Amino acid sequence: MSSTVSLKKLIDDLELLEADAENNIQAALDEASLETLRVSFLGKKGRLSGVLGAMKKLPAHERPLVGQRANVLKNQLLELISTRLNLLKAQAL
């Protein structure tokens, strides 16, 4: 992250993260790679956490906008991972 943080930049970062995550999750070939993706996007030191950490540099009135968008994205990614995991397990049978 650069030293200049704006609402637009963080929203753009979330949109980029969303597109990247969706593509990578759909391309995951096994459970191990899916778990690696989960950690890299949603883990404590993951990309989503990086955006949320940068949020503290925003004015207080802008933080809820980023927080709400990040929560929606987190739930979206968890659902995608779960769906992909179920598909991979079904294919293994």
PDB file of N, CA and C in Angstrom:
ATOM      1  N   MET A   1       0.836  -1.183   0.000  1.00  0.00           N
ATOM      2  CA  MET A   1       0.000   0.000   0.000  1.00  0.00           C
ATOM      3  C   MET A   1       0.879   1.243   0.000  1.00  0.00           C
ATOM      4  N   SER A   2       0.480   2.194  -0.741  1.00  0.00           N
ATOM      5  CA  SER A   2       1.212   3.443  -0.754  1.00  0.00           C
ATOM      6  C   SER A   2       0.849   4.246   0.485  1.00  0.00           C
ATOM      7  N   SER A   3       1.591   5.324   0.727  1.00  0.00           N
ATOM      8  CA  SER A   3       1.316   6.139   1.901  1.00  0.00           C
ATOM      9  C   SER A   3       0.043   6.950   1.741  1.00  0.00           C
ATOM     10  N   THR A   4      -0.408   7.139   0.513  1.00  0.00           N
ATOM     11  CA  THR A   4      -1.641   7.861   0.264  1.00  0.00           C
ATOM     12  C   THR A   4      -2.788   6.860   0.160  1.00  0.00           C
ATOM     13  N   VAL A   5      -3.724   6.970   1.088  1.00  0.00           N
ATOM     14  CA  VAL A   5      -4.858   6.068   1.104  1.00  0.00           C
ATOM     15  C   VAL A   5      -6.119   6.894   0.913  1.00  0.00           C
ATOM     16  N   SER A   6      -6.948   6.468  -0.020  1.00  0.00           N
ATOM     17  CA  SER A   6      -8.211   7.151  -0.241  1.00  0.00           C
ATOM     18  C   SER A   6      -9.323   6.113  -0.290  1.00  0.00           C
ATOM     19  N   LEU A   7     -10.524   6.567  -0.129  1.00  0.00           N
ATOM     20  CA  LEU A   7     -11.677   5.681  -0.210  1.00  0.00           C
ATOM     21  C   LEU A   7     -11.702   4.990  -1.572  1.00  0.00           C
ATOM     22  N   LYS A   8     -11.478   5.731  -2.627  1.00  0.00           N
ATOM     23  CA  LYS A   8     -11.497   5.167  -3.973  1.00  0.00           C
ATOM     24  C   LYS A   8     -10.431   4.088  -4.134  1.00  0.00           C
ATOM     25  N   LYS A   9      -9.233   4.340  -3.625  1.00  0.00           N
ATOM     26  CA  LYS A   9      -8.153   3.364  -3.749  1.00  0.00           C
ATOM     27  C   LYS A   9      -8.507   2.066  -3.018  1.00  0.00           C
ATOM     28  N   LEU A  10      -9.056   2.178  -1.818  1.00  0.00           N
ATOM     29  CA  LEU A  10      -9.389   0.972  -1.066  1.00  0.00           C
ATOM     30  C   LEU A  10     -10.534   0.206  -1.728  1.00  0.00           C
ATOM     31  N   ILE A  11     -11.518   0.914  -2.244  1.00  0.00           N
ATOM     32  CA  ILE A  11     -12.611   0.244  -2.957  1.00  0.00           C
ATOM     33  C   ILE A  11     -12.070  -0.429  -4.220  1.00  0.00           C
ATOM     34  N   ASP A  12     -11.189   0.257  -4.929  1.00  0.00           N
ATOM     35  CA  ASP A  12     -10.557  -0.338  -6.118  1.00  0.00           C
ATOM     36  C   ASP A  12      -9.756  -1.578  -5.744  1.00  0.00           C
ATOM     37  N   ASP A  13      -9.028  -1.501  -4.621  1.00  0.00           N
ATOM     38  CA  ASP A  13      -8.252  -2.654  -4.151  1.00  0.00           C
ATOM     39  C   ASP A  13      -9.169  -3.840  -3.853  1.00  0.00           C
ATOM     40  N   LEU A  14     -10.324  -3.561  -3.240  1.00  0.00           N
ATOM     41  CA  LEU A  14     -11.279  -4.630  -2.938  1.00  0.00           C
ATOM     42  C   LEU A  14     -11.841  -5.244  -4.212  1.00  0.00           C
ATOM     43  N   GLU A  15     -12.125  -4.419  -5.205  1.00  0.00           N
ATOM     44  CA  GLU A  15     -12.650  -4.938  -6.473  1.00  0.00           C
ATOM     45  C   GLU A  15     -11.606  -5.795  -7.189  1.00  0.00           C
ATOM     46  N   LEU A  16     -10.357  -5.351  -7.163  1.00  0.00           N
ATOM     47  CA  LEU A  16      -9.277  -6.132  -7.761  1.00  0.00           C
ATOM     48  C   LEU A  16      -9.090  -7.457  -7.025  1.00  0.00           C
ATOM     49  N   LEU A  17      -9.133  -7.396  -5.708  1.00  0.00           N
ATOM     50  CA  LEU A  17      -9.009  -8.594  -4.888  1.00  0.00           C
ATOM     51  C   LEU A  17     -10.146  -9.564  -5.207  1.00  0.00           C
ATOM     52  N   GLU A  18     -11.353  -9.026  -5.369  1.00  0.00           N
ATOM     53  CA  GLU A  18     -12.507  -9.868  -5.681  1.00  0.00           C
ATOM     54  C   GLU A  18     -12.314 -10.605  -7.007  1.00  0.00           C
ATOM     55  N   ALA A  19     -11.925  -9.893  -8.027  1.00  0.00           N
ATOM     56  CA  ALA A  19     -11.732 -10.506  -9.342  1.00  0.00           C
ATOM     57  C   ALA A  19     -10.614 -11.547  -9.307  1.00  0.00           C
ATOM     58  N   ASP A  20      -9.515 -11.205  -8.663  1.00  0.00           N
ATOM     59  CA  ASP A  20      -8.378 -12.106  -8.566  1.00  0.00           C
ATOM     60  C   ASP A  20      -8.759 -13.371  -7.796  1.00  0.00           C
ATOM     61  N   ALA A  21      -9.453 -13.188  -6.685  1.00  0.00           N
ATOM     62  CA  ALA A  21      -9.851 -14.327  -5.860  1.00  0.00           C
ATOM     63  C   ALA A  21     -10.810 -15.240  -6.612  1.00  0.00           C
ATOM     64  N   GLU A  22     -11.810 -14.655  -7.267  1.00  0.00           N
ATOM     65  CA  GLU A  22     -12.774 -15.469  -8.012  1.00  0.00           C
ATOM     66  C   GLU A  22     -12.077 -16.307  -9.079  1.00  0.00           C
ATOM     67  N   ASN A  23     -11.176 -15.697  -9.818  1.00  0.00           N
ATOM     68  CA  ASN A  23     -10.457 -16.427 -10.864  1.00  0.00           C
ATOM     69  C   ASN A  23      -9.616 -17.556 -10.282  1.00  0.00           C
ATOM     70  N   ASN A  24      -8.893 -17.264  -9.223  1.00  0.00           N
ATOM     71  CA  ASN A  24      -8.022 -18.270  -8.617  1.00  0.00           C
ATOM     72  C   ASN A  24      -8.806 -19.400  -7.960  1.00  0.00           C
ATOM     73  N   ILE A  25      -9.912 -19.061  -7.307  1.00  0.00           N
ATOM     74  CA  ILE A  25     -10.719 -20.092  -6.653  1.00  0.00           C
ATOM     75  C   ILE A  25     -11.311 -21.033  -7.698  1.00  0.00           C
ATOM     76  N   GLN A  26     -11.823 -20.479  -8.782  1.00  0.00           N
ATOM     77  CA  GLN A  26     -12.405 -21.324  -9.829  1.00  0.00           C
ATOM     78  C   GLN A  26     -11.348 -22.194 -10.507  1.00  0.00           C
ATOM     79  N   ALA A  27     -10.098 -21.755 -10.495  1.00  0.00           N
ATOM     80  CA  ALA A  27      -9.022 -22.510 -11.140  1.00  0.00           C
ATOM     81  C   ALA A  27      -8.368 -23.527 -10.207  1.00  0.00           C
ATOM     82  N   ALA A  28      -8.707 -23.486  -8.919  1.00  0.00           N
ATOM     83  CA  ALA A  28      -8.089 -24.408  -7.955  1.00  0.00           C
ATOM     84  C   ALA A  28      -8.403 -25.850  -8.334  1.00  0.00           C
ATOM     85  N   LEU A  29      -7.366 -26.680  -8.307  1.00  0.00           N
ATOM     86  CA  LEU A  29      -7.512 -28.061  -8.756  1.00  0.00           C
ATOM     87  C   LEU A  29      -7.650 -29.072  -7.629  1.00  0.00           C
ATOM     88  N   ASP A  30      -7.331 -28.657  -6.405  1.00  0.00           N
ATOM     89  CA  ASP A  30      -7.436 -29.584  -5.285  1.00  0.00           C
ATOM     90  C   ASP A  30      -7.690 -28.827  -3.983  1.00  0.00           C
ATOM     91  N   GLU A  31      -7.976 -29.581  -2.927  1.00  0.00           N
ATOM     92  CA  GLU A  31      -8.304 -28.984  -1.637  1.00  0.00           C
ATOM     93  C   GLU A  31      -7.135 -28.196  -1.047  1.00  0.00           C
ATOM     94  N   ALA A  32      -5.929 -28.689  -1.245  1.00  0.00           N
ATOM     95  CA  ALA A  32      -4.758 -28.014  -0.685  1.00  0.00           C
ATOM     96  C   ALA A  32      -4.555 -26.641  -1.319  1.00  0.00           C
ATOM     97  N   SER A  33      -4.696 -26.556  -2.617  1.00  0.00           N
ATOM     98  CA  SER A  33      -4.520 -25.257  -3.276  1.00  0.00           C
ATOM     99  C   SER A  33      -5.661 -24.311  -2.897  1.00  0.00           C
ATOM    100  N   LEU A  34      -6.834 -24.845  -2.678  1.00  0.00           N
ATOM    101  CA  LEU A  34      -7.969 -24.026  -2.250  1.00  0.00           C
ATOM    102  C   LEU A  34      -7.727 -23.461  -0.851  1.00  0.00           C
ATOM    103  N   GLU A  35      -7.172 -24.267   0.014  1.00  0.00           N
ATOM    104  CA  GLU A  35      -6.859 -23.795   1.370  1.00  0.00           C
ATOM    105  C   GLU A  35      -5.765 -22.731   1.335  1.00  0.00           C
ATOM    106  N   THR A  36      -4.779 -22.918   0.483  1.00  0.00           N
ATOM    107  CA  THR A  36      -3.726 -21.911   0.324  1.00  0.00           C
ATOM    108  C   THR A  36      -4.320 -20.584  -0.135  1.00  0.00           C
ATOM    109  N   LEU A  37      -5.249 -20.645  -1.059  1.00  0.00           N
ATOM    110  CA  LEU A  37      -5.919 -19.427  -1.536  1.00  0.00           C
ATOM    111  C   LEU A  37      -6.731 -18.780  -0.423  1.00  0.00           C
ATOM    112  N   ARG A  38      -7.434 -19.598   0.358  1.00  0.00           N
ATOM    113  CA  ARG A  38      -8.230 -19.060   1.461  1.00  0.00           C
ATOM    114  C   ARG A  38      -7.352 -18.263   2.418  1.00  0.00           C
ATOM    115  N   VAL A  39      -6.224 -18.824   2.765  1.00  0.00           N
ATOM    116  CA  VAL A  39      -5.306 -18.150   3.682  1.00  0.00           C
ATOM    117  C   VAL A  39      -4.728 -16.884   3.050  1.00  0.00           C
ATOM    118  N   SER A  40      -4.365 -16.948   1.771  1.00  0.00           N
ATOM    119  CA  SER A  40      -3.748 -15.782   1.137  1.00  0.00           C
ATOM    120  C   SER A  40      -4.735 -14.626   0.971  1.00  0.00           C
ATOM    121  N   PHE A  41      -6.011 -14.930   0.815  1.00  0.00           N
ATOM    122  CA  PHE A  41      -6.996 -13.863   0.660  1.00  0.00           C
ATOM    123  C   PHE A  41      -7.654 -13.471   1.973  1.00  0.00           C
ATOM    124  N   LEU A  42      -7.947 -14.446   2.833  1.00  0.00           N
ATOM    125  CA  LEU A  42      -8.757 -14.175   4.016  1.00  0.00           C
ATOM    126  C   LEU A  42      -8.026 -14.365   5.337  1.00  0.00           C
ATOM    127  N   GLY A  43      -6.799 -14.841   5.289  1.00  0.00           N
ATOM    128  CA  GLY A  43      -6.061 -15.111   6.517  1.00  0.00           C
ATOM    129  C   GLY A  43      -5.654 -13.844   7.263  1.00  0.00           C
ATOM    130  N   LYS A  44      -5.088 -14.048   8.437  1.00  0.00           N
ATOM    131  CA  LYS A  44      -4.693 -12.935   9.306  1.00  0.00           C
ATOM    132  C   LYS A  44      -3.742 -11.963   8.604  1.00  0.00           C
ATOM    133  N   LYS A  45      -2.872 -12.497   7.759  1.00  0.00           N
ATOM    134  CA  LYS A  45      -1.935 -11.652   7.012  1.00  0.00           C
ATOM    135  C   LYS A  45      -2.280 -11.643   5.527  1.00  0.00           C
ATOM    136  N   GLY A  46      -3.532 -11.943   5.220  1.00  0.00           N
ATOM    137  CA  GLY A  46      -3.988 -12.023   3.842  1.00  0.00           C
ATOM    138  C   GLY A  46      -4.262 -10.653   3.235  1.00  0.00           C
ATOM    139  N   ARG A  47      -4.637 -10.695   1.983  1.00  0.00           N
ATOM    140  CA  ARG A  47      -4.857  -9.454   1.231  1.00  0.00           C
ATOM    141  C   ARG A  47      -6.029  -8.646   1.766  1.00  0.00           C
ATOM    142  N   LEU A  48      -7.096  -9.314   2.173  1.00  0.00           N
ATOM    143  CA  LEU A  48      -8.235  -8.586   2.721  1.00  0.00           C
ATOM    144  C   LEU A  48      -7.860  -7.885   4.020  1.00  0.00           C
ATOM    145  N   SER A  49      -7.086  -8.543   4.850  1.00  0.00           N
ATOM    146  CA  SER A  49      -6.613  -7.926   6.096  1.00  0.00           C
ATOM    147  C   SER A  49      -5.738  -6.707   5.817  1.00  0.00           C
ATOM    148  N   GLY A  50      -4.975  -6.762   4.738  1.00  0.00           N
ATOM    149  CA  GLY A  50      -4.147  -5.621   4.354  1.00  0.00           C
ATOM    150  C   GLY A  50      -4.984  -4.400   4.016  1.00  0.00           C
ATOM    151  N   VAL A  51      -6.070  -4.627   3.298  1.00  0.00           N
ATOM    152  CA  VAL A  51      -6.969  -3.515   2.954  1.00  0.00           C
ATOM    153  C   VAL A  51      -7.632  -2.978   4.221  1.00  0.00           C
ATOM    154  N   LEU A  52      -8.069  -3.881   5.078  1.00  0.00           N
ATOM    155  CA  LEU A  52      -8.712  -3.436   6.315  1.00  0.00           C
ATOM    156  C   LEU A  52      -7.737  -2.679   7.213  1.00  0.00           C
ATOM    157  N   GLY A  53      -6.490  -3.076   7.216  1.00  0.00           N
ATOM    158  CA  GLY A  53      -5.476  -2.371   8.001  1.00  0.00           C
ATOM    159  C   GLY A  53      -5.252  -0.960   7.491  1.00  0.00           C
ATOM    160  N   ALA A  54      -5.300  -0.789   6.181  1.00  0.00           N
ATOM    161  CA  ALA A  54      -5.121   0.536   5.585  1.00  0.00           C
ATOM    162  C   ALA A  54      -6.329   1.432   5.848  1.00  0.00           C
ATOM    163  N   MET A  55      -7.438   0.826   6.180  1.00  0.00           N
ATOM    164  CA  MET A  55      -8.672   1.572   6.409  1.00  0.00           C
ATOM    165  C   MET A  55      -8.528   2.573   7.555  1.00  0.00           C
ATOM    166  N   LYS A  56      -7.644   2.294   8.511  1.00  0.00           N
ATOM    167  CA  LYS A  56      -7.480   3.193   9.664  1.00  0.00           C
ATOM    168  C   LYS A  56      -6.955   4.571   9.256  1.00  0.00           C
ATOM    169  N   LYS A  57      -6.409   4.670   8.038  1.00  0.00           N
ATOM    170  CA  LYS A  57      -5.899   5.957   7.559  1.00  0.00           C
ATOM    171  C   LYS A  57      -6.999   6.822   6.950  1.00  0.00           C
ATOM    172  N   LEU A  58      -8.177   6.234   6.779  1.00  0.00           N
ATOM    173  CA  LEU A  58      -9.302   6.987   6.225  1.00  0.00           C
ATOM    174  C   LEU A  58      -9.977   7.830   7.307  1.00  0.00           C
ATOM    175  N   PRO A  59     -10.661   8.883   6.898  1.00  0.00           N
ATOM    176  CA  PRO A  59     -11.486   9.626   7.859  1.00  0.00           C
ATOM    177  C   PRO A  59     -12.565   8.702   8.429  1.00  0.00           C
ATOM    178  N   ALA A  60     -12.964   8.941   9.652  1.00  0.00           N
ATOM    179  CA  ALA A  60     -13.913   8.065  10.351  1.00  0.00           C
ATOM    180  C   ALA A  60     -15.213   7.869   9.582  1.00  0.00           C
ATOM    181  N   HIS A  61     -15.691   8.883   8.915  1.00  0.00           N
ATOM    182  CA  HIS A  61     -16.970   8.755   8.216  1.00  0.00           C
ATOM    183  C   HIS A  61     -16.884   7.891   6.954  1.00  0.00           C
ATOM    184  N   GLU A  62     -15.682   7.610   6.450  1.00  0.00           N
ATOM    185  CA  GLU A  62     -15.519   6.772   5.256  1.00  0.00           C
ATOM    186  C   GLU A  62     -15.258   5.307   5.597  1.00  0.00           C
ATOM    187  N   ARG A  63     -14.833   5.051   6.811  1.00  0.00           N
ATOM    188  CA  ARG A  63     -14.472   3.677   7.189  1.00  0.00           C
ATOM    189  C   ARG A  63     -15.619   2.679   7.063  1.00  0.00           C
ATOM    190  N   PRO A  64     -16.832   3.042   7.477  1.00  0.00           N
ATOM    191  CA  PRO A  64     -17.918   2.052   7.346  1.00  0.00           C
ATOM    192  C   PRO A  64     -18.176   1.611   5.907  1.00  0.00           C
ATOM    193  N   LEU A  65     -17.945   2.485   4.943  1.00  0.00           N
ATOM    194  CA  LEU A  65     -18.155   2.121   3.538  1.00  0.00           C
ATOM    195  C   LEU A  65     -17.210   1.003   3.124  1.00  0.00           C
ATOM    196  N   VAL A  66     -15.955   1.126   3.513  1.00  0.00           N
ATOM    197  CA  VAL A  66     -14.966   0.102   3.184  1.00  0.00           C
ATOM    198  C   VAL A  66     -15.238  -1.160   3.997  1.00  0.00           C
ATOM    199  N   GLY A  67     -15.565  -0.989   5.261  1.00  0.00           N
ATOM    200  CA  GLY A  67     -15.841  -2.136   6.125  1.00  0.00           C
ATOM    201  C   GLY A  67     -17.007  -2.967   5.632  1.00  0.00           C
ATOM    202  N   GLN A  68     -18.077  -2.303   5.227  1.00  0.00           N
ATOM    203  CA  GLN A  68     -19.245  -3.018   4.724  1.00  0.00           C
ATOM    204  C   GLN A  68     -18.906  -3.771   3.440  1.00  0.00           C
ATOM    205  N   ARG A  69     -18.201  -3.117   2.548  1.00  0.00           N
ATOM    206  CA  ARG A  69     -17.811  -3.751   1.282  1.00  0.00           C
ATOM    207  C   ARG A  69     -16.895  -4.942   1.540  1.00  0.00           C
ATOM    208  N   ALA A  70     -15.984  -4.791   2.493  1.00  0.00           N
ATOM    209  CA  ALA A  70     -15.055  -5.874   2.828  1.00  0.00           C
ATOM    210  C   ALA A  70     -15.799  -7.063   3.426  1.00  0.00           C
ATOM    211  N   ASN A  71     -16.797  -6.810   4.257  1.00  0.00           N
ATOM    212  CA  ASN A  71     -17.569  -7.907   4.848  1.00  0.00           C
ATOM    213  C   ASN A  71     -18.360  -8.661   3.791  1.00  0.00           C
ATOM    214  N   VAL A  72     -18.940  -7.930   2.854  1.00  0.00           N
ATOM    215  CA  VAL A  72     -19.664  -8.576   1.757  1.00  0.00           C
ATOM    216  C   VAL A  72     -18.704  -9.442   0.949  1.00  0.00           C
ATOM    217  N   LEU A  73     -17.533  -8.895   0.655  1.00  0.00           N
ATOM    218  CA  LEU A  73     -16.534  -9.636  -0.116  1.00  0.00           C
ATOM    219  C   LEU A  73     -16.078 -10.886   0.636  1.00  0.00           C
ATOM    220  N   LYS A  74     -15.839 -10.758   1.923  1.00  0.00           N
ATOM    221  CA  LYS A  74     -15.404 -11.902   2.723  1.00  0.00           C
ATOM    222  C   LYS A  74     -16.434 -13.026   2.653  1.00  0.00           C
ATOM    223  N   ASN A  75     -17.702 -12.684   2.843  1.00  0.00           N
ATOM    224  CA  ASN A  75     -18.755 -13.698   2.778  1.00  0.00           C
ATOM    225  C   ASN A  75     -18.861 -14.310   1.385  1.00  0.00           C
ATOM    226  N   GLN A  76     -18.699 -13.487   0.379  1.00  0.00           N
ATOM    227  CA  GLN A  76     -18.735 -13.946  -1.014  1.00  0.00           C
ATOM    228  C   GLN A  76     -17.618 -14.959  -1.265  1.00  0.00           C
ATOM    229  N   LEU A  77     -16.410 -14.635  -0.793  1.00  0.00           N
ATOM    230  CA  LEU A  77     -15.269 -15.526  -1.025  1.00  0.00           C
ATOM    231  C   LEU A  77     -15.411 -16.824  -0.245  1.00  0.00           C
ATOM    232  N   LEU A  78     -15.925 -16.743   0.973  1.00  0.00           N
ATOM    233  CA  LEU A  78     -16.146 -17.961   1.751  1.00  0.00           C
ATOM    234  C   LEU A  78     -17.148 -18.873   1.052  1.00  0.00           C
ATOM    235  N   GLU A  79     -18.174 -18.287   0.471  1.00  0.00           N
ATOM    236  CA  GLU A  79     -19.175 -19.063  -0.264  1.00  0.00           C
ATOM    237  C   GLU A  79     -18.560 -19.690  -1.523  1.00  0.00           C
ATOM    238  N   LEU A  80     -17.759 -18.919  -2.246  1.00  0.00           N
ATOM    239  CA  LEU A  80     -17.091 -19.453  -3.443  1.00  0.00           C
ATOM    240  C   LEU A  80     -16.165 -20.613  -3.091  1.00  0.00           C
ATOM    241  N   ILE A  81     -15.411 -20.451  -2.021  1.00  0.00           N
ATOM    242  CA  ILE A  81     -14.489 -21.502  -1.588  1.00  0.00           C
ATOM    243  C   ILE A  81     -15.266 -22.753  -1.202  1.00  0.00           C
ATOM    244  N   SER A  82     -16.333 -22.576  -0.451  1.00  0.00           N
ATOM    245  CA  SER A  82     -17.153 -23.709  -0.030  1.00  0.00           C
ATOM    246  C   SER A  82     -17.754 -24.436  -1.231  1.00  0.00           C
ATOM    247  N   THR A  83     -18.267 -23.675  -2.180  1.00  0.00           N
ATOM    248  CA  THR A  83     -18.857 -24.262  -3.388  1.00  0.00           C
ATOM    249  C   THR A  83     -17.811 -25.028  -4.186  1.00  0.00           C
ATOM    250  N   ARG A  84     -16.645 -24.420  -4.354  1.00  0.00           N
ATOM    251  CA  ARG A  84     -15.571 -25.069  -5.114  1.00  0.00           C
ATOM    252  C   ARG A  84     -15.091 -26.331  -4.396  1.00  0.00           C
ATOM    253  N   LEU A  85     -14.981 -26.264  -3.082  1.00  0.00           N
ATOM    254  CA  LEU A  85     -14.549 -27.418  -2.295  1.00  0.00           C
ATOM    255  C   LEU A  85     -15.534 -28.569  -2.458  1.00  0.00           C
ATOM    256  N   ASN A  86     -16.808 -28.265  -2.398  1.00  0.00           N
ATOM    257  CA  ASN A  86     -17.831 -29.310  -2.579  1.00  0.00           C
ATOM    258  C   ASN A  86     -17.740 -29.913  -3.984  1.00  0.00           C
ATOM    259  N   LEU A  87     -17.507 -29.097  -4.979  1.00  0.00           N
ATOM    260  CA  LEU A  87     -17.369 -29.582  -6.344  1.00  0.00           C
ATOM    261  C   LEU A  87     -16.146 -30.503  -6.478  1.00  0.00           C
ATOM    262  N   LEU A  88     -15.029 -30.083  -5.884  1.00  0.00           N
ATOM    263  CA  LEU A  88     -13.819 -30.897  -5.951  1.00  0.00           C
ATOM    264  C   LEU A  88     -14.023 -32.241  -5.257  1.00  0.00           C
ATOM    265  N   LYS A  89     -14.723 -32.218  -4.121  1.00  0.00           N
ATOM    266  CA  LYS A  89     -14.987 -33.479  -3.409  1.00  0.00           C
ATOM    267  C   LYS A  89     -15.905 -34.376  -4.230  1.00  0.00           C
ATOM    268  N   ALA A  90     -16.884 -33.785  -4.874  1.00  0.00           N
ATOM    269  CA  ALA A  90     -17.801 -34.572  -5.706  1.00  0.00           C
ATOM    270  C   ALA A  90     -17.055 -35.183  -6.897  1.00  0.00           C
ATOM    271  N   GLN A  91     -16.142 -34.421  -7.483  1.00  0.00           N
ATOM    272  CA  GLN A  91     -15.364 -34.942  -8.622  1.00  0.00           C
ATOM    273  C   GLN A  91     -14.444 -36.064  -8.187  1.00  0.00           C
ATOM    274  N   ALA A  92     -13.964 -36.005  -6.948  1.00  0.00           N
ATOM    275  CA  ALA A  92     -13.063 -37.044  -6.456  1.00  0.00           C
ATOM    276  C   ALA A  92     -13.781 -38.369  -6.275  1.00  0.00           C
ATOM    277  N   LEU A  93     -15.085 -38.319  -6.053  1.00  0.00           N
ATOM    278  CA  LEU A  93     -15.859 -39.548  -5.880  1.00  0.00           C
ATOM    279  C   LEU A  93     -16.065 -40.184  -7.182  1.00  0.00           C
TER     280      LEU A  93
END
